[in-house]
C-alpha atoms as a PDB file:
ATOM      1  CA  UNK A   1     -45.769-121.354 152.743  1.00  0.00           C
ATOM      2  CA  UNK A   2     -45.916-122.027 156.367  1.00  0.00           C
ATOM      3  CA  UNK A   3     -42.130-122.948 156.342  1.00  0.00           C
ATOM      4  CA  UNK A   4     -41.285-119.523 154.986  1.00  0.00           C
ATOM      5  CA  UNK A   5     -43.444-118.099 158.044  1.00  0.00           C
ATOM      6  CA  UNK A   6     -41.532-120.219 160.540  1.00  0.00           C
ATOM      7  CA  UNK A   7     -38.228-119.113 158.976  1.00  0.00           C
ATOM      8  CA  UNK A   8     -39.233-115.191 158.653  1.00  0.00           C
ATOM      9  CA  UNK A   9     -40.973-115.761 162.429  1.00  0.00           C
ATOM     10  CA  UNK A  10     -37.576-117.081 163.447  1.00  0.00           C
ATOM     11  CA  UNK A  11     -35.417-114.344 162.217  1.00  0.00           C
ATOM     12  CA  UNK A  12     -37.856-111.696 163.510  1.00  0.00           C
ATOM     13  CA  UNK A  13     -37.247-113.116 167.109  1.00  0.00           C
ATOM     14  CA  UNK A  14     -33.810-113.719 166.991  1.00  0.00           C
ATOM     15  CA  UNK A  15     -33.029-110.233 165.127  1.00  0.00           C
ATOM     16  CA  UNK A  16     -30.732-109.113 162.200  1.00  0.00           C
ATOM     17  CA  UNK A  17     -27.149-107.240 161.909  1.00  0.00           C
ATOM     18  CA  UNK A  18     -27.156-105.032 159.208  1.00  0.00           C
ATOM     19  CA  UNK A  19     -23.116-103.810 158.983  1.00  0.00           C
ATOM     20  CA  UNK A  20     -22.311-100.819 157.560  1.00  0.00           C
ATOM     21  CA  UNK A  21     -19.816 -99.894 154.854  1.00  0.00           C
ATOM     22  CA  UNK A  22     -20.126 -99.418 151.346  1.00  0.00           C
ATOM     23  CA  UNK A  23     -17.065-101.442 149.436  1.00  0.00           C
ATOM     24  CA  UNK A  24     -16.916-103.723 152.267  1.00  0.00           C
ATOM     25  CA  UNK A  25     -17.725-104.839 155.673  1.00  0.00           C
ATOM     26  CA  UNK A  26     -15.572-103.173 158.188  1.00  0.00           C
ATOM     27  CA  UNK A  27     -15.216-104.639 161.803  1.00  0.00           C
ATOM     28  CA  UNK A  28     -16.199-102.301 164.346  1.00  0.00           C
ATOM     29  CA  UNK A  29     -13.323-102.868 166.259  1.00  0.00           C
ATOM     30  CA  UNK A  30     -10.838-102.450 163.377  1.00  0.00           C
ATOM     31  CA  UNK A  31     -12.723 -98.626 161.990  1.00  0.00           C
ATOM     32  CA  UNK A  32     -13.767 -97.954 165.724  1.00  0.00           C
ATOM     33  CA  UNK A  33     -17.257 -98.062 165.311  1.00  0.00           C
ATOM     34  CA  UNK A  34     -19.802 -98.812 167.732  1.00  0.00           C
ATOM     35  CA  UNK A  35     -22.354-101.629 167.623  1.00  0.00           C
ATOM     36  CA  UNK A  36     -25.847 -99.480 167.708  1.00  0.00           C
ATOM     37  CA  UNK A  37     -28.941-101.856 168.980  1.00  0.00           C
ATOM     38  CA  UNK A  38     -32.245-100.905 168.188  1.00  0.00           C
ATOM     39  CA  UNK A  39     -35.431-102.616 169.777  1.00  0.00           C
ATOM     40  CA  UNK A  40     -38.552-102.191 167.020  1.00  0.00           C
ATOM     41  CA  UNK A  41     -42.220-103.962 167.137  1.00  0.00           C
ATOM     42  CA  UNK A  42     -44.809-104.334 165.039  1.00  0.00           C
ATOM     43  CA  UNK A  43     -47.963-102.860 167.216  1.00  0.00           C
ATOM     44  CA  UNK A  44     -51.151-103.008 165.718  1.00  0.00           C
ATOM     45  CA  UNK A  45     -53.234 -99.478 166.045  1.00  0.00           C
ATOM     46  CA  UNK A  46     -56.796 -98.958 164.668  1.00  0.00           C
ATOM     47  CA  UNK A  47     -56.468 -96.701 161.972  1.00  0.00           C
ATOM     48  CA  UNK A  48     -59.012 -94.551 160.985  1.00  0.00           C
ATOM     49  CA  UNK A  49     -58.435 -93.513 157.269  1.00  0.00           C
ATOM     50  CA  UNK A  50     -61.067 -90.850 156.979  1.00  0.00           C
ATOM     51  CA  UNK A  51     -61.405 -89.278 160.621  1.00  0.00           C
ATOM     52  CA  UNK A  52     -63.408 -86.293 159.719  1.00  0.00           C
ATOM     53  CA  UNK A  53     -65.917 -88.317 157.728  1.00  0.00           C
ATOM     54  CA  UNK A  54     -65.181 -85.583 154.744  1.00  0.00           C
ATOM     55  CA  UNK A  55     -64.313 -86.430 151.319  1.00  0.00           C
ATOM     56  CA  UNK A  56     -61.249 -83.811 151.189  1.00  0.00           C
ATOM     57  CA  UNK A  57     -61.556 -83.061 147.444  1.00  0.00           C
ATOM     58  CA  UNK A  58     -65.182 -82.127 147.771  1.00  0.00           C
ATOM     59  CA  UNK A  59     -64.915 -80.196 151.197  1.00  0.00           C
ATOM     60  CA  UNK A  60     -68.130 -82.154 151.639  1.00  0.00           C
ATOM     61  CA  UNK A  61     -69.562 -85.128 153.634  1.00  0.00           C
ATOM     62  CA  UNK A  62     -68.841 -88.751 151.453  1.00  0.00           C
ATOM     63  CA  UNK A  63     -71.841 -89.249 149.265  1.00  0.00           C
ATOM     64  CA  UNK A  64     -72.712 -91.825 146.264  1.00  0.00           C
ATOM     65  CA  UNK A  65     -69.719 -94.072 145.515  1.00  0.00           C
ATOM     66  CA  UNK A  66     -67.038 -92.716 148.159  1.00  0.00           C
ATOM     67  CA  UNK A  67     -70.036 -93.348 150.911  1.00  0.00           C
ATOM     68  CA  UNK A  68     -70.567 -96.774 149.796  1.00  0.00           C
ATOM     69  CA  UNK A  69     -66.871 -96.877 150.653  1.00  0.00           C
ATOM     70  CA  UNK A  70     -66.791 -95.259 154.063  1.00  0.00           C
ATOM     71  CA  UNK A  71     -69.881 -96.857 155.676  1.00  0.00           C
ATOM     72  CA  UNK A  72     -69.298 -99.693 157.540  1.00  0.00           C
ATOM     73  CA  UNK A  73     -71.859-102.901 156.123  1.00  0.00           C
ATOM     74  CA  UNK A  74     -72.339-106.362 156.255  1.00  0.00           C
ATOM     75  CA  UNK A  75     -69.853-106.581 153.414  1.00  0.00           C
ATOM     76  CA  UNK A  76     -67.504-103.324 154.177  1.00  0.00           C
ATOM     77  CA  UNK A  77     -65.045-102.233 156.764  1.00  0.00           C
ATOM     78  CA  UNK A  78     -65.665 -98.453 156.417  1.00  0.00           C
ATOM     79  CA  UNK A  79     -62.778 -96.327 157.604  1.00  0.00           C
ATOM     80  CA  UNK A  80     -61.412 -97.729 160.467  1.00  0.00           C
ATOM     81  CA  UNK A  81     -59.589-101.032 160.506  1.00  0.00           C
ATOM     82  CA  UNK A  82     -56.257-102.656 162.359  1.00  0.00           C
ATOM     83  CA  UNK A  83     -52.844-101.627 160.559  1.00  0.00           C
ATOM     84  CA  UNK A  84     -49.625-102.686 161.772  1.00  0.00           C
ATOM     85  CA  UNK A  85     -47.017-100.188 162.431  1.00  0.00           C
ATOM     86  CA  UNK A  86     -43.173 -99.879 163.270  1.00  0.00           C
ATOM     87  CA  UNK A  87     -42.208 -98.459 166.787  1.00  0.00           C
ATOM     88  CA  UNK A  88     -38.930 -98.016 168.551  1.00  0.00           C
ATOM     89  CA  UNK A  89     -38.854 -99.226 172.194  1.00  0.00           C
ATOM     90  CA  UNK A  90     -36.040 -98.274 174.653  1.00  0.00           C
ATOM     91  CA  UNK A  91     -35.078-102.203 175.740  1.00  0.00           C
ATOM     92  CA  UNK A  92     -35.528-105.533 175.033  1.00  0.00           C
ATOM     93  CA  UNK A  93     -38.344-105.555 177.426  1.00  0.00           C
ATOM     94  CA  UNK A  94     -40.607-103.956 174.757  1.00  0.00           C
ATOM     95  CA  UNK A  95     -42.203-102.359 177.514  1.00  0.00           C
ATOM     96  CA  UNK A  96     -41.946 -98.263 176.671  1.00  0.00           C
ATOM     97  CA  UNK A  97     -42.132 -97.073 173.648  1.00  0.00           C
ATOM     98  CA  UNK A  98     -39.230 -94.381 172.846  1.00  0.00           C
ATOM     99  CA  UNK A  99     -40.456 -90.688 172.471  1.00  0.00           C
ATOM    100  CA  UNK A 100     -39.757 -89.324 169.057  1.00  0.00           C
ATOM    101  CA  UNK A 101     -38.029 -86.119 168.974  1.00  0.00           C
ATOM    102  CA  UNK A 102     -40.084 -82.946 167.958  1.00  0.00           C
ATOM    103  CA  UNK A 103     -38.293 -82.660 164.791  1.00  0.00           C
ATOM    104  CA  UNK A 104     -39.035 -86.127 163.764  1.00  0.00           C
ATOM    105  CA  UNK A 105     -43.178 -85.521 163.990  1.00  0.00           C
ATOM    106  CA  UNK A 106     -43.434 -85.228 160.537  1.00  0.00           C
ATOM    107  CA  UNK A 107     -42.875 -89.080 160.297  1.00  0.00           C
ATOM    108  CA  UNK A 108     -46.181 -89.673 161.556  1.00  0.00           C
ATOM    109  CA  UNK A 109     -47.303 -93.363 161.873  1.00  0.00           C
ATOM    110  CA  UNK A 110     -43.742 -94.499 159.755  1.00  0.00           C
ATOM    111  CA  UNK A 111     -41.109 -96.607 161.452  1.00  0.00           C
ATOM    112  CA  UNK A 112     -38.290 -95.347 163.300  1.00  0.00           C
ATOM    113  CA  UNK A 113     -35.254 -93.509 161.935  1.00  0.00           C
ATOM    114  CA  UNK A 114     -32.083 -95.631 162.487  1.00  0.00           C
ATOM    115  CA  UNK A 115     -28.599 -93.702 163.069  1.00  0.00           C
ATOM    116  CA  UNK A 116     -25.119 -94.847 162.474  1.00  0.00           C
ATOM    117  CA  UNK A 117     -22.084 -94.127 160.870  1.00  0.00           C
ATOM    118  CA  UNK A 118     -19.474 -95.749 158.459  1.00  0.00           C
ATOM    119  CA  UNK A 119     -17.494 -98.895 160.341  1.00  0.00           C
ATOM    120  CA  UNK A 120     -20.878 -98.991 162.819  1.00  0.00           C
ATOM    121  CA  UNK A 121     -23.259-102.439 163.205  1.00  0.00           C
ATOM    122  CA  UNK A 122     -26.408-101.803 163.499  1.00  0.00           C
ATOM    123  CA  UNK A 123     -28.442-104.688 165.709  1.00  0.00           C
ATOM    124  CA  UNK A 124     -31.931-104.654 165.135  1.00  0.00           C
ATOM    125  CA  UNK A 125     -34.430-106.622 167.533  1.00  0.00           C
ATOM    126  CA  UNK A 126     -37.389-107.038 166.250  1.00  0.00           C
ATOM    127  CA  UNK A 127     -40.967-108.179 167.889  1.00  0.00           C
ATOM    128  CA  UNK A 128     -43.807-109.202 166.360  1.00  0.00           C
ATOM    129  CA  UNK A 129     -46.813-107.945 168.449  1.00  0.00           C
ATOM    130  CA  UNK A 130     -49.461-108.237 165.342  1.00  0.00           C
ATOM    131  CA  UNK A 131     -52.151-110.430 165.124  1.00  0.00           C
ATOM    132  CA  UNK A 132     -50.871-111.570 161.282  1.00  0.00           C
ATOM    133  CA  UNK A 133     -47.072-112.393 160.199  1.00  0.00           C
ATOM    134  CA  UNK A 134     -45.160-109.225 158.951  1.00  0.00           C
ATOM    135  CA  UNK A 135     -42.062-108.823 157.308  1.00  0.00           C
ATOM    136  CA  UNK A 136     -39.655-106.351 157.310  1.00  0.00           C
ATOM    137  CA  UNK A 137     -37.472-105.033 154.170  1.00  0.00           C
ATOM    138  CA  UNK A 138     -33.857-104.455 154.907  1.00  0.00           C
ATOM    139  CA  UNK A 139     -32.776-101.774 152.694  1.00  0.00           C
ATOM    140  CA  UNK A 140     -28.519-101.565 152.135  1.00  0.00           C
ATOM    141  CA  UNK A 141     -27.470 -99.259 154.499  1.00  0.00           C
ATOM    142  CA  UNK A 142     -25.160 -96.364 152.957  1.00  0.00           C
ATOM    143  CA  UNK A 143     -24.394 -92.751 153.611  1.00  0.00           C
ATOM    144  CA  UNK A 144     -25.073 -89.501 152.164  1.00  0.00           C
ATOM    145  CA  UNK A 145     -23.770 -85.898 153.508  1.00  0.00           C
ATOM    146  CA  UNK A 146     -26.432 -84.487 156.013  1.00  0.00           C
ATOM    147  CA  UNK A 147     -29.296 -86.604 155.009  1.00  0.00           C
ATOM    148  CA  UNK A 148     -30.883 -89.521 157.631  1.00  0.00           C
ATOM    149  CA  UNK A 149     -32.866 -92.447 156.015  1.00  0.00           C
ATOM    150  CA  UNK A 150     -35.486 -93.899 157.622  1.00  0.00           C
ATOM    151  CA  UNK A 151     -35.051 -97.636 157.763  1.00  0.00           C
ATOM    152  CA  UNK A 152     -38.387 -99.131 155.550  1.00  0.00           C
ATOM    153  CA  UNK A 153     -40.406-101.828 156.912  1.00  0.00           C
ATOM    154  CA  UNK A 154     -43.393-103.316 154.890  1.00  0.00           C
ATOM    155  CA  UNK A 155     -46.373-105.495 155.952  1.00  0.00           C
END
Protein backbone atom coordinates (compact mmCIF):
# COMPACT_ATOMS: atom_id res chain seq x y z
CA UNK A 1 0.00 0.00 0.00
CA UNK A 2 2.81 2.42 0.90
CA UNK A 3 4.52 1.59 -2.41
CA UNK A 4 1.33 2.35 -4.32
CA UNK A 5 0.97 5.74 -2.59
CA UNK A 6 4.63 6.53 -3.30
CA UNK A 7 4.25 5.68 -6.98
CA UNK A 8 1.02 7.70 -7.26
CA UNK A 9 2.68 10.62 -5.49
CA UNK A 10 5.64 10.48 -7.88
CA UNK A 11 3.32 10.40 -10.88
CA UNK A 12 1.37 13.34 -9.46
CA UNK A 13 4.51 15.41 -8.95
CA UNK A 14 6.08 14.69 -12.32
CA UNK A 15 2.88 14.99 -14.35
CA UNK A 16 1.68 12.75 -17.13
CA UNK A 17 1.27 12.86 -20.89
CA UNK A 18 -1.89 11.79 -22.66
CA UNK A 19 -1.33 11.38 -26.41
CA UNK A 20 -4.41 11.87 -28.55
CA UNK A 21 -5.39 9.79 -31.54
CA UNK A 22 -7.90 7.02 -32.15
CA UNK A 23 -6.06 4.32 -34.11
CA UNK A 24 -2.45 5.26 -33.47
CA UNK A 25 -0.32 7.68 -31.56
CA UNK A 26 0.48 10.72 -33.66
CA UNK A 27 3.54 12.85 -33.03
CA UNK A 28 2.66 16.56 -32.72
CA UNK A 29 5.44 17.35 -35.23
CA UNK A 30 4.09 14.88 -37.81
CA UNK A 31 0.51 16.13 -37.68
CA UNK A 32 1.28 19.77 -36.96
CA UNK A 33 -0.26 19.31 -33.52
CA UNK A 34 0.48 21.37 -30.44
CA UNK A 35 1.67 20.44 -27.00
CA UNK A 36 -1.03 21.74 -24.67
CA UNK A 37 0.06 22.08 -21.06
CA UNK A 38 -2.47 22.22 -18.23
CA UNK A 39 -1.75 22.84 -14.54
CA UNK A 40 -4.27 21.08 -12.32
CA UNK A 41 -4.23 20.81 -8.52
CA UNK A 42 -6.33 19.00 -5.96
CA UNK A 43 -7.41 21.67 -3.46
CA UNK A 44 -9.41 21.14 -0.31
CA UNK A 45 -12.51 23.22 0.27
CA UNK A 46 -15.02 23.15 3.09
CA UNK A 47 -18.14 21.77 1.45
CA UNK A 48 -21.60 22.22 2.93
CA UNK A 49 -23.95 19.52 1.69
CA UNK A 50 -27.01 21.27 3.10
CA UNK A 51 -26.24 25.02 3.09
CA UNK A 52 -29.86 26.07 3.57
CA UNK A 53 -30.46 23.53 6.36
CA UNK A 54 -33.68 22.55 4.60
CA UNK A 55 -34.88 19.16 3.38
CA UNK A 56 -35.61 19.96 -0.27
CA UNK A 57 -37.97 16.99 -0.57
CA UNK A 58 -40.33 18.44 2.05
CA UNK A 59 -39.35 22.12 1.91
CA UNK A 60 -39.04 22.10 5.73
CA UNK A 61 -36.09 22.14 8.12
CA UNK A 62 -34.54 18.74 8.76
CA UNK A 63 -36.34 16.64 11.35
CA UNK A 64 -36.20 13.09 12.71
CA UNK A 65 -33.74 10.78 10.98
CA UNK A 66 -32.59 13.51 8.56
CA UNK A 67 -31.88 15.89 11.45
CA UNK A 68 -29.83 13.20 13.17
CA UNK A 69 -27.49 13.03 10.15
CA UNK A 70 -27.23 16.75 9.52
CA UNK A 71 -26.44 17.91 13.05
CA UNK A 72 -22.82 18.01 14.14
CA UNK A 73 -22.07 15.89 17.18
CA UNK A 74 -19.43 13.70 18.81
CA UNK A 75 -20.05 10.87 16.33
CA UNK A 76 -21.46 12.87 13.41
CA UNK A 77 -19.76 15.27 11.02
CA UNK A 78 -22.87 17.30 10.21
CA UNK A 79 -23.26 18.97 6.83
CA UNK A 80 -19.78 20.49 6.40
CA UNK A 81 -16.51 18.75 5.76
CA UNK A 82 -13.43 18.95 3.57
CA UNK A 83 -13.71 17.87 -0.02
CA UNK A 84 -10.94 17.72 -2.61
CA UNK A 85 -11.78 19.46 -5.86
CA UNK A 86 -9.68 19.82 -8.97
CA UNK A 87 -8.85 23.31 -10.20
CA UNK A 88 -6.90 24.59 -13.15
CA UNK A 89 -4.08 27.06 -12.48
CA UNK A 90 -2.47 29.55 -14.85
CA UNK A 91 1.13 28.26 -14.59
CA UNK A 92 3.57 25.94 -12.84
CA UNK A 93 3.72 28.14 -9.72
CA UNK A 94 0.15 27.05 -8.82
CA UNK A 95 -0.47 30.50 -7.32
CA UNK A 96 -3.37 31.79 -9.44
CA UNK A 97 -6.51 29.80 -10.25
CA UNK A 98 -7.49 30.13 -13.89
CA UNK A 99 -10.85 31.84 -14.20
CA UNK A 100 -13.58 29.93 -15.96
CA UNK A 101 -15.46 31.38 -18.88
CA UNK A 102 -19.12 32.23 -18.09
CA UNK A 103 -20.34 29.34 -20.28
CA UNK A 104 -18.43 26.92 -18.00
CA UNK A 105 -20.25 27.95 -14.80
CA UNK A 106 -22.54 24.94 -15.10
CA UNK A 107 -19.58 22.75 -14.10
CA UNK A 108 -19.81 23.94 -10.49
CA UNK A 109 -17.29 21.97 -8.40
CA UNK A 110 -16.27 19.65 -11.27
CA UNK A 111 -12.70 19.83 -12.52
CA UNK A 112 -11.61 21.76 -15.60
CA UNK A 113 -12.35 20.81 -19.18
CA UNK A 114 -9.11 20.15 -21.03
CA UNK A 115 -9.29 20.90 -24.76
CA UNK A 116 -7.14 19.40 -27.53
CA UNK A 117 -7.36 18.39 -31.16
CA UNK A 118 -6.32 15.19 -32.93
CA UNK A 119 -2.55 15.18 -33.18
CA UNK A 120 -2.07 17.33 -30.07
CA UNK A 121 -0.32 16.12 -26.95
CA UNK A 122 -1.85 17.03 -23.60
CA UNK A 123 0.63 17.49 -20.78
CA UNK A 124 -1.13 17.67 -17.42
CA UNK A 125 1.01 18.81 -14.49
CA UNK A 126 -0.75 17.76 -11.30
CA UNK A 127 -0.12 19.04 -7.77
CA UNK A 128 -1.72 17.56 -4.68
CA UNK A 129 -2.58 20.37 -2.24
CA UNK A 130 -4.87 18.08 -0.23
CA UNK A 131 -3.99 16.61 3.16
CA UNK A 132 -4.82 13.09 1.91
CA UNK A 133 -3.45 11.16 -1.05
CA UNK A 134 -5.68 11.67 -4.07
CA UNK A 135 -5.69 10.03 -7.45
CA UNK A 136 -6.89 10.91 -10.88
CA UNK A 137 -8.51 8.64 -13.42
CA UNK A 138 -7.18 8.94 -16.96
CA UNK A 139 -9.92 8.45 -19.48
CA UNK A 140 -9.09 7.82 -23.13
CA UNK A 141 -9.14 11.02 -25.10
CA UNK A 142 -11.27 10.89 -28.21
CA UNK A 143 -13.12 13.29 -30.43
CA UNK A 144 -16.83 13.75 -30.93
CA UNK A 145 -18.09 16.50 -33.22
CA UNK A 146 -19.01 19.67 -31.30
CA UNK A 147 -18.70 18.03 -27.86
CA UNK A 148 -16.13 18.78 -25.15
CA UNK A 149 -15.76 16.11 -22.49
CA UNK A 150 -14.52 17.01 -18.99
CA UNK A 151 -11.52 15.09 -17.68
CA UNK A 152 -12.93 12.97 -14.85
CA UNK A 153 -10.74 13.19 -11.78
CA UNK A 154 -11.70 11.08 -8.79
CA UNK A 155 -10.68 11.27 -5.18
